[in-house]
C-alpha atoms as a PDB file:
ATOM      1  CA  MET A   1     -16.419   1.360  -9.887  1.00  0.00           C
ATOM      2  CA  GLY A   2     -19.520   1.083  -7.762  1.00  0.00           C
ATOM      3  CA  VAL A   3     -19.516  -2.751  -8.039  1.00  0.00           C
ATOM      4  CA  ILE A   4     -15.498  -2.910  -7.254  1.00  0.00           C
ATOM      5  CA  PHE A   5     -15.807  -0.741  -4.924  1.00  0.00           C
ATOM      6  CA  PHE A   6     -18.207  -2.316  -2.909  1.00  0.00           C
ATOM      7  CA  ALA A   7     -16.360  -5.638  -2.481  1.00  0.00           C
ATOM      8  CA  SER A   8     -12.999  -3.754  -2.456  1.00  0.00           C
ATOM      9  CA  ALA A   9     -15.142  -2.809   1.093  1.00  0.00           C
ATOM     10  CA  ASP A  10     -15.886  -6.066   2.332  1.00  0.00           C
ATOM     11  CA  THR A  11     -13.815  -6.775   5.220  1.00  0.00           C
ATOM     12  CA  ASN A  12     -13.964 -10.329   4.944  1.00  0.00           C
ATOM     13  CA  SER A  13     -13.272 -10.621   1.217  1.00  0.00           C
ATOM     14  CA  TYR A  14     -11.402 -14.003   1.199  1.00  0.00           C
ATOM     15  CA  ARG A  15     -12.505 -15.287   3.620  1.00  0.00           C
ATOM     16  CA  HIS A  16     -16.265 -15.484   2.392  1.00  0.00           C
ATOM     17  CA  SER A  17     -14.608 -15.994  -1.802  1.00  0.00           C
ATOM     18  CA  SER A  18     -13.371 -19.572   0.759  1.00  0.00           C
ATOM     19  CA  THR A  19     -16.162 -20.598   1.957  1.00  0.00           C
ATOM     20  CA  LEU A  20     -17.612 -21.003  -2.007  1.00  0.00           C
ATOM     21  CA  PHE A  21     -14.548 -21.303  -3.630  1.00  0.00           C
ATOM     22  CA  GLU A  22     -12.051 -23.887  -1.323  1.00  0.00           C
ATOM     23  CA  PRO A  23     -15.192 -26.983  -0.190  1.00  0.00           C
ATOM     24  CA  PHE A  24     -15.843 -26.750  -4.116  1.00  0.00           C
ATOM     25  CA  VAL A  25     -12.123 -27.700  -4.692  1.00  0.00           C
ATOM     26  CA  HIS A  26     -12.008 -30.549  -1.918  1.00  0.00           C
ATOM     27  CA  TRP A  27     -14.847 -32.042  -3.853  1.00  0.00           C
ATOM     28  CA  LEU A  28     -12.900 -31.858  -7.141  1.00  0.00           C
ATOM     29  CA  PHE A  29      -9.683 -33.372  -5.762  1.00  0.00           C
ATOM     30  CA  PRO A  30     -10.344 -34.693  -2.365  1.00  0.00           C
ATOM     31  CA  GLN A  31      -7.138 -35.930  -2.105  1.00  0.00           C
ATOM     32  CA  LEU A  32      -5.208 -32.225  -2.956  1.00  0.00           C
ATOM     33  CA  PRO A  33      -3.759 -30.983   0.545  1.00  0.00           C
ATOM     34  CA  ALA A  34      -4.632 -27.459   2.453  1.00  0.00           C
ATOM     35  CA  ALA A  35      -1.621 -25.906   1.134  1.00  0.00           C
ATOM     36  CA  ALA A  36      -2.345 -26.513  -3.129  1.00  0.00           C
ATOM     37  CA  VAL A  37      -6.103 -25.655  -2.252  1.00  0.00           C
ATOM     38  CA  ASP A  38      -5.023 -22.060  -0.692  1.00  0.00           C
ATOM     39  CA  GLU A  39      -2.618 -21.168  -3.596  1.00  0.00           C
ATOM     40  CA  LEU A  40      -5.692 -22.167  -6.302  1.00  0.00           C
ATOM     41  CA  HIS A  41      -7.672 -19.237  -4.069  1.00  0.00           C
ATOM     42  CA  HIS A  42      -5.759 -17.239  -4.385  1.00  0.00           C
ATOM     43  CA  TYR A  43      -5.204 -17.598  -8.368  1.00  0.00           C
ATOM     44  CA  PHE A  44      -8.630 -17.826  -8.532  1.00  0.00           C
ATOM     45  CA  ARG A  45      -9.173 -14.420  -6.447  1.00  0.00           C
ATOM     46  CA  LYS A  46      -5.884 -12.452  -8.319  1.00  0.00           C
ATOM     47  CA  CYS A  47      -7.951 -14.130 -11.143  1.00  0.00           C
ATOM     48  CA  GLY A  48     -10.965 -12.206 -10.126  1.00  0.00           C
ATOM     49  CA  HIS A  49      -8.857  -9.068 -10.512  1.00  0.00           C
ATOM     50  CA  LEU A  50      -8.127  -9.298 -14.049  1.00  0.00           C
ATOM     51  CA  SER A  51     -10.930  -9.857 -15.001  1.00  0.00           C
ATOM     52  CA  GLU A  52     -12.958  -6.532 -13.504  1.00  0.00           C
ATOM     53  CA  TYR A  53     -10.316  -4.591 -14.321  1.00  0.00           C
ATOM     54  CA  ALA A  54     -11.066  -6.124 -18.031  1.00  0.00           C
ATOM     55  CA  ILE A  55     -14.518  -6.051 -17.917  1.00  0.00           C
ATOM     56  CA  LEU A  56     -14.103  -1.345 -16.847  1.00  0.00           C
ATOM     57  CA  ALA A  57     -11.649  -1.148 -18.808  1.00  0.00           C
ATOM     58  CA  LEU A  58     -13.755  -2.374 -22.416  1.00  0.00           C
ATOM     59  CA  LEU A  59     -16.726  -0.149 -20.622  1.00  0.00           C
ATOM     60  CA  VAL A  60     -14.630   2.957 -20.222  1.00  0.00           C
ATOM     61  CA  TRP A  61     -13.565   2.374 -24.170  1.00  0.00           C
ATOM     62  CA  ARG A  62     -17.176   1.766 -24.891  1.00  0.00           C
ATOM     63  CA  ALA A  63     -18.630   5.357 -22.978  1.00  0.00           C
ATOM     64  CA  ILE A  64     -15.241   6.908 -24.504  1.00  0.00           C
ATOM     65  CA  HIS A  65     -14.717   5.689 -28.168  1.00  0.00           C
ATOM     66  CA  ARG A  66     -18.908   6.833 -28.815  1.00  0.00           C
ATOM     67  CA  PRO A  67     -19.794   5.452 -32.233  1.00  0.00           C
ATOM     68  CA  ALA A  68     -23.692   6.780 -33.790  1.00  0.00           C
ATOM     69  CA  LYS A  69     -25.585   3.721 -33.178  1.00  0.00           C
ATOM     70  CA  GLY A  70     -24.595   1.192 -37.214  1.00  0.00           C
ATOM     71  CA  GLU A  71     -21.761   3.306 -37.300  1.00  0.00           C
ATOM     72  CA  ALA A  72     -18.393   1.748 -37.785  1.00  0.00           C
ATOM     73  CA  ARG A  73     -15.886   3.914 -36.029  1.00  0.00           C
ATOM     74  CA  PRO A  74     -12.338   3.052 -36.894  1.00  0.00           C
ATOM     75  CA  TRP A  75     -10.465   1.900 -33.785  1.00  0.00           C
ATOM     76  CA  LYS A  76      -7.930   5.054 -32.388  1.00  0.00           C
ATOM     77  CA  TRP A  77      -5.159   3.975 -30.089  1.00  0.00           C
ATOM     78  CA  ASP A  78      -5.615   6.829 -28.177  1.00  0.00           C
ATOM     79  CA  GLU A  79      -9.407   6.051 -27.001  1.00  0.00           C
ATOM     80  CA  ALA A  80      -7.565   2.464 -25.732  1.00  0.00           C
ATOM     81  CA  GLY A  81      -5.076   4.672 -24.362  1.00  0.00           C
ATOM     82  CA  LEU A  82      -7.126   6.929 -21.754  1.00  0.00           C
ATOM     83  CA  ALA A  83      -8.909   3.578 -21.229  1.00  0.00           C
ATOM     84  CA  LEU A  84      -6.855   1.781 -19.771  1.00  0.00           C
ATOM     85  CA  ALA A  85      -5.355   5.088 -18.252  1.00  0.00           C
ATOM     86  CA  ILE A  86      -8.354   5.359 -16.169  1.00  0.00           C
ATOM     87  CA  VAL A  87      -8.831   1.644 -15.049  1.00  0.00           C
ATOM     88  CA  PHE A  88      -4.438   2.282 -14.348  1.00  0.00           C
ATOM     89  CA  THR A  89      -5.469   5.017 -12.077  1.00  0.00           C
ATOM     90  CA  TYR A  90      -8.906   4.036 -10.520  1.00  0.00           C
ATOM     91  CA  ALA A  91      -6.577   0.734  -9.501  1.00  0.00           C
ATOM     92  CA  ALA A  92      -4.486   2.884  -7.811  1.00  0.00           C
ATOM     93  CA  SER A  93      -7.320   4.666  -6.044  1.00  0.00           C
ATOM     94  CA  ASP A  94      -9.160   1.189  -5.092  1.00  0.00           C
ATOM     95  CA  GLU A  95      -5.045   0.233  -3.062  1.00  0.00           C
ATOM     96  CA  PHE A  96      -5.493   3.562  -1.154  1.00  0.00           C
ATOM     97  CA  HIS A  97      -9.079   2.268  -0.325  1.00  0.00           C
ATOM     98  CA  GLN A  98      -8.432  -0.456   1.225  1.00  0.00           C
ATOM     99  CA  ILE A  99      -5.777   0.410   3.247  1.00  0.00           C
ATOM    100  CA  PHE A 100      -8.273   2.650   5.647  1.00  0.00           C
ATOM    101  CA  VAL A 101     -10.544  -1.171   5.472  1.00  0.00           C
ATOM    102  CA  PRO A 102      -9.402  -3.690   7.439  1.00  0.00           C
ATOM    103  CA  THR A 103      -8.436  -6.775   6.736  1.00  0.00           C
ATOM    104  CA  ARG A 104      -7.727  -5.206   3.701  1.00  0.00           C
ATOM    105  CA  THR A 105      -4.167  -5.174   2.314  1.00  0.00           C
ATOM    106  CA  PRO A 106      -3.376  -3.068  -0.584  1.00  0.00           C
ATOM    107  CA  LEU A 107      -0.620  -3.919  -2.606  1.00  0.00           C
ATOM    108  CA  ILE A 108       0.726  -2.753  -5.882  1.00  0.00           C
ATOM    109  CA  THR A 109       1.502  -6.367  -7.701  1.00  0.00           C
ATOM    110  CA  ASP A 110      -2.410  -6.137  -8.119  1.00  0.00           C
ATOM    111  CA  VAL A 111      -2.888  -2.715  -9.309  1.00  0.00           C
ATOM    112  CA  MET A 112      -0.644  -4.617 -11.481  1.00  0.00           C
ATOM    113  CA  ILE A 113      -2.798  -7.331 -12.047  1.00  0.00           C
ATOM    114  CA  ASP A 114      -5.671  -4.453 -12.873  1.00  0.00           C
ATOM    115  CA  THR A 115      -4.195  -2.694 -15.376  1.00  0.00           C
ATOM    116  CA  THR A 116      -3.377  -6.036 -17.416  1.00  0.00           C
ATOM    117  CA  GLY A 117      -6.598  -7.626 -17.069  1.00  0.00           C
ATOM    118  CA  GLY A 118      -7.719  -4.053 -18.915  1.00  0.00           C
ATOM    119  CA  ALA A 119      -5.020  -4.173 -21.451  1.00  0.00           C
ATOM    120  CA  LEU A 120      -5.629  -7.897 -22.607  1.00  0.00           C
ATOM    121  CA  ALA A 121      -8.856  -6.889 -22.811  1.00  0.00           C
ATOM    122  CA  LEU A 122      -8.694  -4.177 -25.109  1.00  0.00           C
ATOM    123  CA  THR A 123      -5.684  -5.896 -27.377  1.00  0.00           C
ATOM    124  CA  ALA A 124      -8.535  -8.353 -27.525  1.00  0.00           C
ATOM    125  CA  TRP A 125     -11.660  -6.510 -28.603  1.00  0.00           C
ATOM    126  CA  TRP A 126      -8.723  -4.460 -30.843  1.00  0.00           C
ATOM    127  CA  LEU A 127      -8.185  -8.078 -32.497  1.00  0.00           C
ATOM    128  CA  LEU A 128     -11.724  -9.504 -32.474  1.00  0.00           C
ATOM    129  CA  ARG A 129     -12.669  -5.798 -34.498  1.00  0.00           C
ATOM    130  CA  GLY A 130      -9.829  -6.625 -36.819  1.00  0.00           C
ATOM    131  CA  LYS A 131     -10.887 -10.106 -37.688  1.00  0.00           C
ATOM    132  CA  LEU A 132     -15.198  -9.239 -38.224  1.00  0.00           C
ATOM    133  CA  ARG A 133     -13.544  -6.596 -40.001  1.00  0.00           C
ATOM    134  CA  LEU A 134     -12.028  -8.822 -42.724  1.00  0.00           C
ATOM    135  CA  ALA A 135     -14.696 -10.730 -42.134  1.00  0.00           C
ATOM    136  CA  LYS A 136     -16.667  -8.598 -43.609  1.00  0.00           C
ATOM    137  CA  ARG A 137     -15.051  -7.462 -46.428  1.00  0.00           C
END
């Protein structure tokens, strides 16, 4: 959460990511129009939101789940729901925080993207745990 807060406080985050991303895309696709590169950069940043909150959801779930070493505790939907609620709350508070950061724009859509990232990660983890459990039988 501290890493997300620190990144959210960066007043030039769009410019910082564009200095790396846009030249790389121009190198890969030299004929691509600047508007297309800018759009790709936008989607790249949104994928960053999705990814960072997916990681946060898994870390929060792990903190809530707390099995003893070597213990195989069953999946509990209330734990996953609590983890997702924490992710949503933190995403909303992060966007609220951006009100006070010059050049940053708080967006409800970012809260939705962040929460979706958390939900996707928890769902993928639930499915993976099920497959691993079947493979052990």
